[in-house]
């Protein structure tokens, strides 16, 4: 009896076989593994509506979220990294730079500039992890130092949103020197009484964590951001012990006094505005 034929279960592979779904329509959450409509995630400020996982976002997207529309003026936009060591690992450094520029756009792993946050003038530096893992080379260190010095000159609070794998190995000792340079600039800012708020996003590691990223008057993080110097896998291999659940995540660091607060992306602009007005007494 043909009408009693067993029905085939509808699976993802069956749907894919008969229905052509365009790329980018759906996205998979790395935390809860749910398949979500991509536009729904975008409308939610690139935060998973199911589990509140914060997806990584680009520097210009973040600037648009926290800086008042039409007020941002970029600084040092034409600064470019160069391969002064003629460095080559599996690929030439100059080729890596070209690939990163093609992927992200002109510039480097950080965008700096001036703007208003709820009407309050600020200087902001925002990392873009998509540009060579947000690594800090000579250009990144110089741009951040100039942003700090701009805040010092104009008496404007400085905000740095970090998202980095650390110092850029292709520039050797020159990239490590940026740790001291940026930290020294922040010491001058602190002596002048100008506020510096450091916002750590996923991931903030290596030489960035070991320098300016943890030197804020307030160290703030997004939920579940990976924050640390060496990665969990390296630490486990070194100490030969299993690390606690959630080790090096924002919540663990807050519990152990390494950061001051966690602010969800939806509340970031409002909370930063409140904090800056407390610091500046405005």
C-alpha atoms as a PDB file:
ATOM      1  CA  UNK A   1       0.000   0.000   0.000  1.00  0.00           C
ATOM      2  CA  UNK A   2       1.797   3.049  -1.327  1.00  0.00           C
ATOM      3  CA  UNK A   3      -0.060   5.504   0.884  1.00  0.00           C
ATOM      4  CA  UNK A   4       1.502   3.861   3.983  1.00  0.00           C
ATOM      5  CA  UNK A   5       5.024   4.577   2.782  1.00  0.00           C
ATOM      6  CA  UNK A   6       7.322   5.582   5.631  1.00  0.00           C
ATOM      7  CA  UNK A   7       8.061   9.306   5.701  1.00  0.00           C
ATOM      8  CA  UNK A   8      11.685  10.432   5.617  1.00  0.00           C
ATOM      9  CA  UNK A   9      12.740  12.584   8.569  1.00  0.00           C
ATOM     10  CA  UNK A  10      13.483  16.190   7.659  1.00  0.00           C
ATOM     11  CA  UNK A  11      17.147  16.904   8.381  1.00  0.00           C
ATOM     12  CA  UNK A  12      19.513  19.785   7.723  1.00  0.00           C
ATOM     13  CA  UNK A  13      21.204  17.825   4.927  1.00  0.00           C
ATOM     14  CA  UNK A  14      17.813  17.083   3.302  1.00  0.00           C
ATOM     15  CA  UNK A  15      16.869  20.760   3.385  1.00  0.00           C
ATOM     16  CA  UNK A  16      20.291  21.743   2.009  1.00  0.00           C
ATOM     17  CA  UNK A  17      19.842  19.262  -0.814  1.00  0.00           C
ATOM     18  CA  UNK A  18      16.586  20.800  -2.057  1.00  0.00           C
ATOM     19  CA  UNK A  19      16.736  24.384  -0.787  1.00  0.00           C
ATOM     20  CA  UNK A  20      19.519  26.779  -1.711  1.00  0.00           C
ATOM     21  CA  UNK A  21      20.122  29.016   1.336  1.00  0.00           C
ATOM     22  CA  UNK A  22      22.259  32.105   0.560  1.00  0.00           C
ATOM     23  CA  UNK A  23      25.450  32.616   2.583  1.00  0.00           C
ATOM     24  CA  UNK A  24      25.145  34.855   5.636  1.00  0.00           C
ATOM     25  CA  UNK A  25      21.427  34.317   6.248  1.00  0.00           C
ATOM     26  CA  UNK A  26      21.999  32.187   9.352  1.00  0.00           C
ATOM     27  CA  UNK A  27      24.710  32.287  11.995  1.00  0.00           C
ATOM     28  CA  UNK A  28      25.702  29.785  14.674  1.00  0.00           C
ATOM     29  CA  UNK A  29      26.298  30.949  18.239  1.00  0.00           C
ATOM     30  CA  UNK A  30      29.676  29.758  19.532  1.00  0.00           C
ATOM     31  CA  UNK A  31      28.330  29.530  23.057  1.00  0.00           C
ATOM     32  CA  UNK A  32      24.883  27.896  22.906  1.00  0.00           C
ATOM     33  CA  UNK A  33      25.325  26.376  19.404  1.00  0.00           C
ATOM     34  CA  UNK A  34      21.902  27.689  18.315  1.00  0.00           C
ATOM     35  CA  UNK A  35      21.330  28.536  14.656  1.00  0.00           C
ATOM     36  CA  UNK A  36      20.011  32.102  14.568  1.00  0.00           C
ATOM     37  CA  UNK A  37      18.756  34.394  11.843  1.00  0.00           C
ATOM     38  CA  UNK A  38      21.735  36.694  11.154  1.00  0.00           C
ATOM     39  CA  UNK A  39      19.672  39.884  10.939  1.00  0.00           C
ATOM     40  CA  UNK A  40      18.161  39.136  14.337  1.00  0.00           C
ATOM     41  CA  UNK A  41      21.702  39.000  15.801  1.00  0.00           C
ATOM     42  CA  UNK A  42      22.611  42.274  14.077  1.00  0.00           C
ATOM     43  CA  UNK A  43      19.488  43.994  15.415  1.00  0.00           C
ATOM     44  CA  UNK A  44      20.541  42.798  18.875  1.00  0.00           C
ATOM     45  CA  UNK A  45      23.926  44.626  18.575  1.00  0.00           C
ATOM     46  CA  UNK A  46      25.640  41.358  17.589  1.00  0.00           C
ATOM     47  CA  UNK A  47      24.620  39.688  20.843  1.00  0.00           C
ATOM     48  CA  UNK A  48      23.010  36.237  20.799  1.00  0.00           C
ATOM     49  CA  UNK A  49      19.296  36.628  21.667  1.00  0.00           C
ATOM     50  CA  UNK A  50      19.257  33.084  23.110  1.00  0.00           C
ATOM     51  CA  UNK A  51      22.203  33.110  25.562  1.00  0.00           C
ATOM     52  CA  UNK A  52      23.534  36.707  25.530  1.00  0.00           C
ATOM     53  CA  UNK A  53      26.865  35.669  23.969  1.00  0.00           C
ATOM     54  CA  UNK A  54      28.696  38.753  22.663  1.00  0.00           C
ATOM     55  CA  UNK A  55      29.982  38.241  19.126  1.00  0.00           C
ATOM     56  CA  UNK A  56      33.153  40.086  18.117  1.00  0.00           C
ATOM     57  CA  UNK A  57      32.533  43.285  16.180  1.00  0.00           C
ATOM     58  CA  UNK A  58      34.722  45.588  14.091  1.00  0.00           C
ATOM     59  CA  UNK A  59      36.243  48.837  15.296  1.00  0.00           C
ATOM     60  CA  UNK A  60      33.949  51.111  13.277  1.00  0.00           C
ATOM     61  CA  UNK A  61      30.860  49.208  14.433  1.00  0.00           C
ATOM     62  CA  UNK A  62      31.904  49.735  18.046  1.00  0.00           C
ATOM     63  CA  UNK A  63      32.612  53.421  17.495  1.00  0.00           C
ATOM     64  CA  UNK A  64      29.115  53.797  16.059  1.00  0.00           C
ATOM     65  CA  UNK A  65      27.680  52.176  19.215  1.00  0.00           C
ATOM     66  CA  UNK A  66      29.379  54.443  21.764  1.00  0.00           C
ATOM     67  CA  UNK A  67      30.199  57.736  20.008  1.00  0.00           C
ATOM     68  CA  UNK A  68      27.471  60.251  19.151  1.00  0.00           C
ATOM     69  CA  UNK A  69      26.562  60.169  15.471  1.00  0.00           C
ATOM     70  CA  UNK A  70      28.444  62.669  13.326  1.00  0.00           C
ATOM     71  CA  UNK A  71      30.952  63.672  16.011  1.00  0.00           C
ATOM     72  CA  UNK A  72      33.799  61.201  15.425  1.00  0.00           C
ATOM     73  CA  UNK A  73      36.958  62.617  13.830  1.00  0.00           C
ATOM     74  CA  UNK A  74      39.639  60.028  13.118  1.00  0.00           C
ATOM     75  CA  UNK A  75      43.275  60.694  14.006  1.00  0.00           C
ATOM     76  CA  UNK A  76      46.398  59.361  12.247  1.00  0.00           C
ATOM     77  CA  UNK A  77      44.305  57.548   9.651  1.00  0.00           C
ATOM     78  CA  UNK A  78      47.179  57.327   7.159  1.00  0.00           C
ATOM     79  CA  UNK A  79      49.686  55.603   9.433  1.00  0.00           C
ATOM     80  CA  UNK A  80      50.724  52.233   7.978  1.00  0.00           C
ATOM     81  CA  UNK A  81      52.784  49.283   9.193  1.00  0.00           C
ATOM     82  CA  UNK A  82      55.939  48.490   7.194  1.00  0.00           C
ATOM     83  CA  UNK A  83      58.089  45.365   7.003  1.00  0.00           C
ATOM     84  CA  UNK A  84      61.317  46.991   8.239  1.00  0.00           C
ATOM     85  CA  UNK A  85      62.833  43.619   9.245  1.00  0.00           C
ATOM     86  CA  UNK A  86      61.958  41.866   5.977  1.00  0.00           C
ATOM     87  CA  UNK A  87      60.295  39.275   8.214  1.00  0.00           C
ATOM     88  CA  UNK A  88      59.027  35.973   6.911  1.00  0.00           C
ATOM     89  CA  UNK A  89      57.513  32.969   8.690  1.00  0.00           C
ATOM     90  CA  UNK A  90      55.059  30.845   6.691  1.00  0.00           C
ATOM     91  CA  UNK A  91      54.247  34.029   4.826  1.00  0.00           C
ATOM     92  CA  UNK A  92      55.962  37.388   4.269  1.00  0.00           C
ATOM     93  CA  UNK A  93      54.953  40.077   6.747  1.00  0.00           C
ATOM     94  CA  UNK A  94      54.308  42.549   3.933  1.00  0.00           C
ATOM     95  CA  UNK A  95      51.882  40.047   2.404  1.00  0.00           C
ATOM     96  CA  UNK A  96      50.112  39.637   5.753  1.00  0.00           C
ATOM     97  CA  UNK A  97      49.683  43.408   5.970  1.00  0.00           C
ATOM     98  CA  UNK A  98      48.246  43.541   2.438  1.00  0.00           C
ATOM     99  CA  UNK A  99      45.816  40.711   3.222  1.00  0.00           C
ATOM    100  CA  UNK A 100      44.679  42.413   6.448  1.00  0.00           C
ATOM    101  CA  UNK A 101      44.137  45.747   4.694  1.00  0.00           C
ATOM    102  CA  UNK A 102      42.136  44.001   1.965  1.00  0.00           C
ATOM    103  CA  UNK A 103      39.997  42.249   4.597  1.00  0.00           C
ATOM    104  CA  UNK A 104      39.401  45.124   6.998  1.00  0.00           C
ATOM    105  CA  UNK A 105      40.199  48.285   5.054  1.00  0.00           C
ATOM    106  CA  UNK A 106      42.894  50.942   5.213  1.00  0.00           C
ATOM    107  CA  UNK A 107      44.720  51.502   8.477  1.00  0.00           C
ATOM    108  CA  UNK A 108      45.900  49.057  11.101  1.00  0.00           C
ATOM    109  CA  UNK A 109      44.613  47.051  14.069  1.00  0.00           C
ATOM    110  CA  UNK A 110      43.406  50.155  15.952  1.00  0.00           C
ATOM    111  CA  UNK A 111      41.320  53.211  15.030  1.00  0.00           C
ATOM    112  CA  UNK A 112      41.765  56.349  17.131  1.00  0.00           C
ATOM    113  CA  UNK A 113      39.964  59.656  17.158  1.00  0.00           C
ATOM    114  CA  UNK A 114      37.973  62.298  18.987  1.00  0.00           C
ATOM    115  CA  UNK A 115      34.225  62.469  19.447  1.00  0.00           C
ATOM    116  CA  UNK A 116      31.396  62.986  21.889  1.00  0.00           C
ATOM    117  CA  UNK A 117      29.865  60.389  24.176  1.00  0.00           C
ATOM    118  CA  UNK A 118      26.434  61.657  25.231  1.00  0.00           C
ATOM    119  CA  UNK A 119      27.724  65.159  24.573  1.00  0.00           C
ATOM    120  CA  UNK A 120      30.929  64.688  26.583  1.00  0.00           C
ATOM    121  CA  UNK A 121      34.174  65.132  24.549  1.00  0.00           C
ATOM    122  CA  UNK A 122      36.352  62.012  24.643  1.00  0.00           C
ATOM    123  CA  UNK A 123      39.363  60.503  22.899  1.00  0.00           C
ATOM    124  CA  UNK A 124      38.782  56.898  21.868  1.00  0.00           C
ATOM    125  CA  UNK A 125      40.969  54.059  20.574  1.00  0.00           C
ATOM    126  CA  UNK A 126      39.265  50.886  19.345  1.00  0.00           C
ATOM    127  CA  UNK A 127      40.975  47.641  18.315  1.00  0.00           C
ATOM    128  CA  UNK A 128      39.847  45.534  15.373  1.00  0.00           C
ATOM    129  CA  UNK A 129      40.640  41.858  15.961  1.00  0.00           C
ATOM    130  CA  UNK A 130      40.067  41.098  12.275  1.00  0.00           C
ATOM    131  CA  UNK A 131      43.294  42.982  11.435  1.00  0.00           C
ATOM    132  CA  UNK A 132      46.021  40.409  12.206  1.00  0.00           C
ATOM    133  CA  UNK A 133      44.347  39.391  15.448  1.00  0.00           C
ATOM    134  CA  UNK A 134      44.403  42.959  16.765  1.00  0.00           C
ATOM    135  CA  UNK A 135      48.158  42.569  17.263  1.00  0.00           C
ATOM    136  CA  UNK A 136      50.139  45.546  18.569  1.00  0.00           C
ATOM    137  CA  UNK A 137      53.026  46.649  16.381  1.00  0.00           C
ATOM    138  CA  UNK A 138      54.833  49.973  16.111  1.00  0.00           C
ATOM    139  CA  UNK A 139      51.916  51.733  14.391  1.00  0.00           C
ATOM    140  CA  UNK A 140      49.349  50.508  16.931  1.00  0.00           C
ATOM    141  CA  UNK A 141      51.544  51.557  19.856  1.00  0.00           C
ATOM    142  CA  UNK A 142      52.225  54.964  18.313  1.00  0.00           C
ATOM    143  CA  UNK A 143      48.541  55.615  17.548  1.00  0.00           C
ATOM    144  CA  UNK A 144      47.495  54.699  21.079  1.00  0.00           C
ATOM    145  CA  UNK A 145      50.255  56.873  22.573  1.00  0.00           C
ATOM    146  CA  UNK A 146      49.159  59.818  20.423  1.00  0.00           C
ATOM    147  CA  UNK A 147      45.539  59.270  21.475  1.00  0.00           C
ATOM    148  CA  UNK A 148      46.581  59.357  25.145  1.00  0.00           C
ATOM    149  CA  UNK A 149      48.645  62.500  24.540  1.00  0.00           C
ATOM    150  CA  UNK A 150      45.640  64.073  22.789  1.00  0.00           C
ATOM    151  CA  UNK A 151      43.562  63.427  25.894  1.00  0.00           C
ATOM    152  CA  UNK A 152      46.323  65.010  27.964  1.00  0.00           C
ATOM    153  CA  UNK A 153      46.454  68.114  25.725  1.00  0.00           C
ATOM    154  CA  UNK A 154      42.675  68.621  25.596  1.00  0.00           C
ATOM    155  CA  UNK A 155      41.875  67.363  29.113  1.00  0.00           C
ATOM    156  CA  UNK A 156      39.425  64.884  27.528  1.00  0.00           C
ATOM    157  CA  UNK A 157      38.841  61.412  29.041  1.00  0.00           C
ATOM    158  CA  UNK A 158      40.479  58.541  27.157  1.00  0.00           C
ATOM    159  CA  UNK A 159      38.626  55.325  26.292  1.00  0.00           C
ATOM    160  CA  UNK A 160      40.427  52.279  24.902  1.00  0.00           C
ATOM    161  CA  UNK A 161      38.489  49.239  23.707  1.00  0.00           C
ATOM    162  CA  UNK A 162      40.954  46.349  23.531  1.00  0.00           C
ATOM    163  CA  UNK A 163      40.632  43.187  21.451  1.00  0.00           C
ATOM    164  CA  UNK A 164      44.035  41.718  20.758  1.00  0.00           C
ATOM    165  CA  UNK A 165      46.203  38.638  20.628  1.00  0.00           C
ATOM    166  CA  UNK A 166      49.132  40.679  21.977  1.00  0.00           C
ATOM    167  CA  UNK A 167      52.356  42.093  20.568  1.00  0.00           C
ATOM    168  CA  UNK A 168      53.022  41.572  16.842  1.00  0.00           C
ATOM    169  CA  UNK A 169      55.860  39.062  16.525  1.00  0.00           C
ATOM    170  CA  UNK A 170      56.760  40.197  13.000  1.00  0.00           C
ATOM    171  CA  UNK A 171      58.172  43.420  14.472  1.00  0.00           C
ATOM    172  CA  UNK A 172      60.209  41.697  17.180  1.00  0.00           C
ATOM    173  CA  UNK A 173      61.496  43.918  20.028  1.00  0.00           C
ATOM    174  CA  UNK A 174      59.933  47.012  18.426  1.00  0.00           C
ATOM    175  CA  UNK A 175      56.449  45.695  19.187  1.00  0.00           C
ATOM    176  CA  UNK A 176      57.401  44.885  22.795  1.00  0.00           C
ATOM    177  CA  UNK A 177      58.684  48.442  23.263  1.00  0.00           C
ATOM    178  CA  UNK A 178      55.131  49.693  22.658  1.00  0.00           C
ATOM    179  CA  UNK A 179      54.147  48.215  26.032  1.00  0.00           C
ATOM    180  CA  UNK A 180      56.509  50.597  27.849  1.00  0.00           C
ATOM    181  CA  UNK A 181      55.683  53.558  25.608  1.00  0.00           C
ATOM    182  CA  UNK A 182      51.916  53.347  26.085  1.00  0.00           C
ATOM    183  CA  UNK A 183      52.270  52.712  29.828  1.00  0.00           C
ATOM    184  CA  UNK A 184      54.537  55.759  30.205  1.00  0.00           C
ATOM    185  CA  UNK A 185      52.003  57.930  28.378  1.00  0.00           C
ATOM    186  CA  UNK A 186      49.266  56.709  30.730  1.00  0.00           C
ATOM    187  CA  UNK A 187      51.417  57.598  33.754  1.00  0.00           C
ATOM    188  CA  UNK A 188      51.470  61.218  32.511  1.00  0.00           C
ATOM    189  CA  UNK A 189      47.699  61.116  31.972  1.00  0.00           C
ATOM    190  CA  UNK A 190      47.153  59.846  35.503  1.00  0.00           C
ATOM    191  CA  UNK A 191      49.444  62.489  36.990  1.00  0.00           C
ATOM    192  CA  UNK A 192      47.371  65.161  35.230  1.00  0.00           C
ATOM    193  CA  UNK A 193      44.137  63.710  36.646  1.00  0.00           C
ATOM    194  CA  UNK A 194      42.593  62.916  33.247  1.00  0.00           C
ATOM    195  CA  UNK A 195      40.332  59.809  33.394  1.00  0.00           C
ATOM    196  CA  UNK A 196      41.206  56.655  31.475  1.00  0.00           C
ATOM    197  CA  UNK A 197      38.631  53.880  31.138  1.00  0.00           C
ATOM    198  CA  UNK A 198      39.840  50.574  29.724  1.00  0.00           C
ATOM    199  CA  UNK A 199      37.221  48.290  28.160  1.00  0.00           C
ATOM    200  CA  UNK A 200      38.355  44.712  27.591  1.00  0.00           C
ATOM    201  CA  UNK A 201      36.509  42.751  24.923  1.00  0.00           C
ATOM    202  CA  UNK A 202      36.932  39.213  23.625  1.00  0.00           C
ATOM    203  CA  UNK A 203      39.811  38.430  23.448  1.00  0.00           C
ATOM    204  CA  UNK A 204      42.321  40.686  25.251  1.00  0.00           C
ATOM    205  CA  UNK A 205      45.593  38.841  25.745  1.00  0.00           C
ATOM    206  CA  UNK A 206      49.394  39.026  25.595  1.00  0.00           C
ATOM    207  CA  UNK A 207      51.319  42.279  25.648  1.00  0.00           C
ATOM    208  CA  UNK A 208      48.162  44.388  25.419  1.00  0.00           C
ATOM    209  CA  UNK A 209      46.855  42.896  28.673  1.00  0.00           C
ATOM    210  CA  UNK A 210      50.325  43.232  30.205  1.00  0.00           C
ATOM    211  CA  UNK A 211      50.434  46.975  29.504  1.00  0.00           C
ATOM    212  CA  UNK A 212      47.789  49.662  28.960  1.00  0.00           C
ATOM    213  CA  UNK A 213      44.691  47.410  28.943  1.00  0.00           C
ATOM    214  CA  UNK A 214      44.926  46.748  32.704  1.00  0.00           C
ATOM    215  CA  UNK A 215      45.975  50.277  33.702  1.00  0.00           C
ATOM    216  CA  UNK A 216      42.578  51.964  33.584  1.00  0.00           C
ATOM    217  CA  UNK A 217      41.143  54.056  36.378  1.00  0.00           C
ATOM    218  CA  UNK A 218      38.396  51.526  35.808  1.00  0.00           C
ATOM    219  CA  UNK A 219      38.940  48.216  34.023  1.00  0.00           C
ATOM    220  CA  UNK A 220      35.650  47.195  32.420  1.00  0.00           C
ATOM    221  CA  UNK A 221      34.842  44.060  30.431  1.00  0.00           C
ATOM    222  CA  UNK A 222      32.097  42.727  28.206  1.00  0.00           C
ATOM    223  CA  UNK A 223      30.417  39.485  29.373  1.00  0.00           C
ATOM    224  CA  UNK A 224      32.393  36.245  28.869  1.00  0.00           C
ATOM    225  CA  UNK A 225      35.389  37.998  27.310  1.00  0.00           C
ATOM    226  CA  UNK A 226      38.654  36.038  27.335  1.00  0.00           C
ATOM    227  CA  UNK A 227      41.195  38.138  29.250  1.00  0.00           C
ATOM    228  CA  UNK A 228      44.705  37.110  30.237  1.00  0.00           C
ATOM    229  CA  UNK A 229      48.375  37.082  29.332  1.00  0.00           C
ATOM    230  CA  UNK A 230      48.985  33.522  28.114  1.00  0.00           C
ATOM    231  CA  UNK A 231      46.104  31.420  26.854  1.00  0.00           C
ATOM    232  CA  UNK A 232      44.462  28.710  28.999  1.00  0.00           C
ATOM    233  CA  UNK A 233      45.986  25.895  26.927  1.00  0.00           C
ATOM    234  CA  UNK A 234      49.529  27.230  27.423  1.00  0.00           C
ATOM    235  CA  UNK A 235      48.967  27.656  31.171  1.00  0.00           C
ATOM    236  CA  UNK A 236      47.612  24.112  31.539  1.00  0.00           C
ATOM    237  CA  UNK A 237      50.613  22.703  29.684  1.00  0.00           C
ATOM    238  CA  UNK A 238      52.992  24.726  31.867  1.00  0.00           C
ATOM    239  CA  UNK A 239      51.547  23.989  35.322  1.00  0.00           C
ATOM    240  CA  UNK A 240      50.199  20.547  34.335  1.00  0.00           C
ATOM    241  CA  UNK A 241      46.897  21.126  36.051  1.00  0.00           C
ATOM    242  CA  UNK A 242      43.312  21.450  34.880  1.00  0.00           C
ATOM    243  CA  UNK A 243      42.132  25.035  35.134  1.00  0.00           C
ATOM    244  CA  UNK A 244      38.843  26.007  36.848  1.00  0.00           C
ATOM    245  CA  UNK A 245      35.674  26.366  34.781  1.00  0.00           C
ATOM    246  CA  UNK A 246      35.502  29.791  33.155  1.00  0.00           C
ATOM    247  CA  UNK A 247      39.138  30.583  33.937  1.00  0.00           C
ATOM    248  CA  UNK A 248      40.249  33.886  32.313  1.00  0.00           C
ATOM    249  CA  UNK A 249      36.687  34.872  31.464  1.00  0.00           C
ATOM    250  CA  UNK A 250      35.283  38.229  32.584  1.00  0.00           C
ATOM    251  CA  UNK A 251      33.112  36.747  35.315  1.00  0.00           C
ATOM    252  CA  UNK A 252      36.031  34.809  36.852  1.00  0.00           C
ATOM    253  CA  UNK A 253      38.273  37.894  36.782  1.00  0.00           C
ATOM    254  CA  UNK A 254      35.591  40.061  38.385  1.00  0.00           C
ATOM    255  CA  UNK A 255      35.103  37.501  41.153  1.00  0.00           C
ATOM    256  CA  UNK A 256      38.862  37.490  41.826  1.00  0.00           C
ATOM    257  CA  UNK A 257      39.337  41.267  41.747  1.00  0.00           C
ATOM    258  CA  UNK A 258      41.168  41.563  38.428  1.00  0.00           C
ATOM    259  CA  UNK A 259      38.580  43.840  36.803  1.00  0.00           C
ATOM    260  CA  UNK A 260      36.139  46.357  38.258  1.00  0.00           C
ATOM    261  CA  UNK A 261      32.887  45.647  36.436  1.00  0.00           C
ATOM    262  CA  UNK A 262      31.166  43.864  33.557  1.00  0.00           C
ATOM    263  CA  UNK A 263      28.912  45.885  31.283  1.00  0.00           C
ATOM    264  CA  UNK A 264      26.723  44.288  28.571  1.00  0.00           C
ATOM    265  CA  UNK A 265      27.017  45.863  25.121  1.00  0.00           C
ATOM    266  CA  UNK A 266      23.447  47.208  25.215  1.00  0.00           C
ATOM    267  CA  UNK A 267      24.262  49.226  28.343  1.00  0.00           C
ATOM    268  CA  UNK A 268      27.820  50.230  27.451  1.00  0.00           C
ATOM    269  CA  UNK A 269      27.238  53.771  26.197  1.00  0.00           C
ATOM    270  CA  UNK A 270      24.863  54.710  29.025  1.00  0.00           C
ATOM    271  CA  UNK A 271      27.141  53.290  31.737  1.00  0.00           C
ATOM    272  CA  UNK A 272      30.288  54.874  30.284  1.00  0.00           C
ATOM    273  CA  UNK A 273      28.498  58.216  30.162  1.00  0.00           C
ATOM    274  CA  UNK A 274      27.517  57.917  33.824  1.00  0.00           C
ATOM    275  CA  UNK A 275      31.029  56.893  34.884  1.00  0.00           C
ATOM    276  CA  UNK A 276      32.744  59.653  32.926  1.00  0.00           C
ATOM    277  CA  UNK A 277      30.449  62.287  34.393  1.00  0.00           C
ATOM    278  CA  UNK A 278      31.340  61.053  37.868  1.00  0.00           C
ATOM    279  CA  UNK A 279      35.059  61.235  37.062  1.00  0.00           C
ATOM    280  CA  UNK A 280      34.833  64.651  35.405  1.00  0.00           C
ATOM    281  CA  UNK A 281      32.183  66.019  37.820  1.00  0.00           C
ATOM    282  CA  UNK A 282      30.027  67.126  34.886  1.00  0.00           C
END
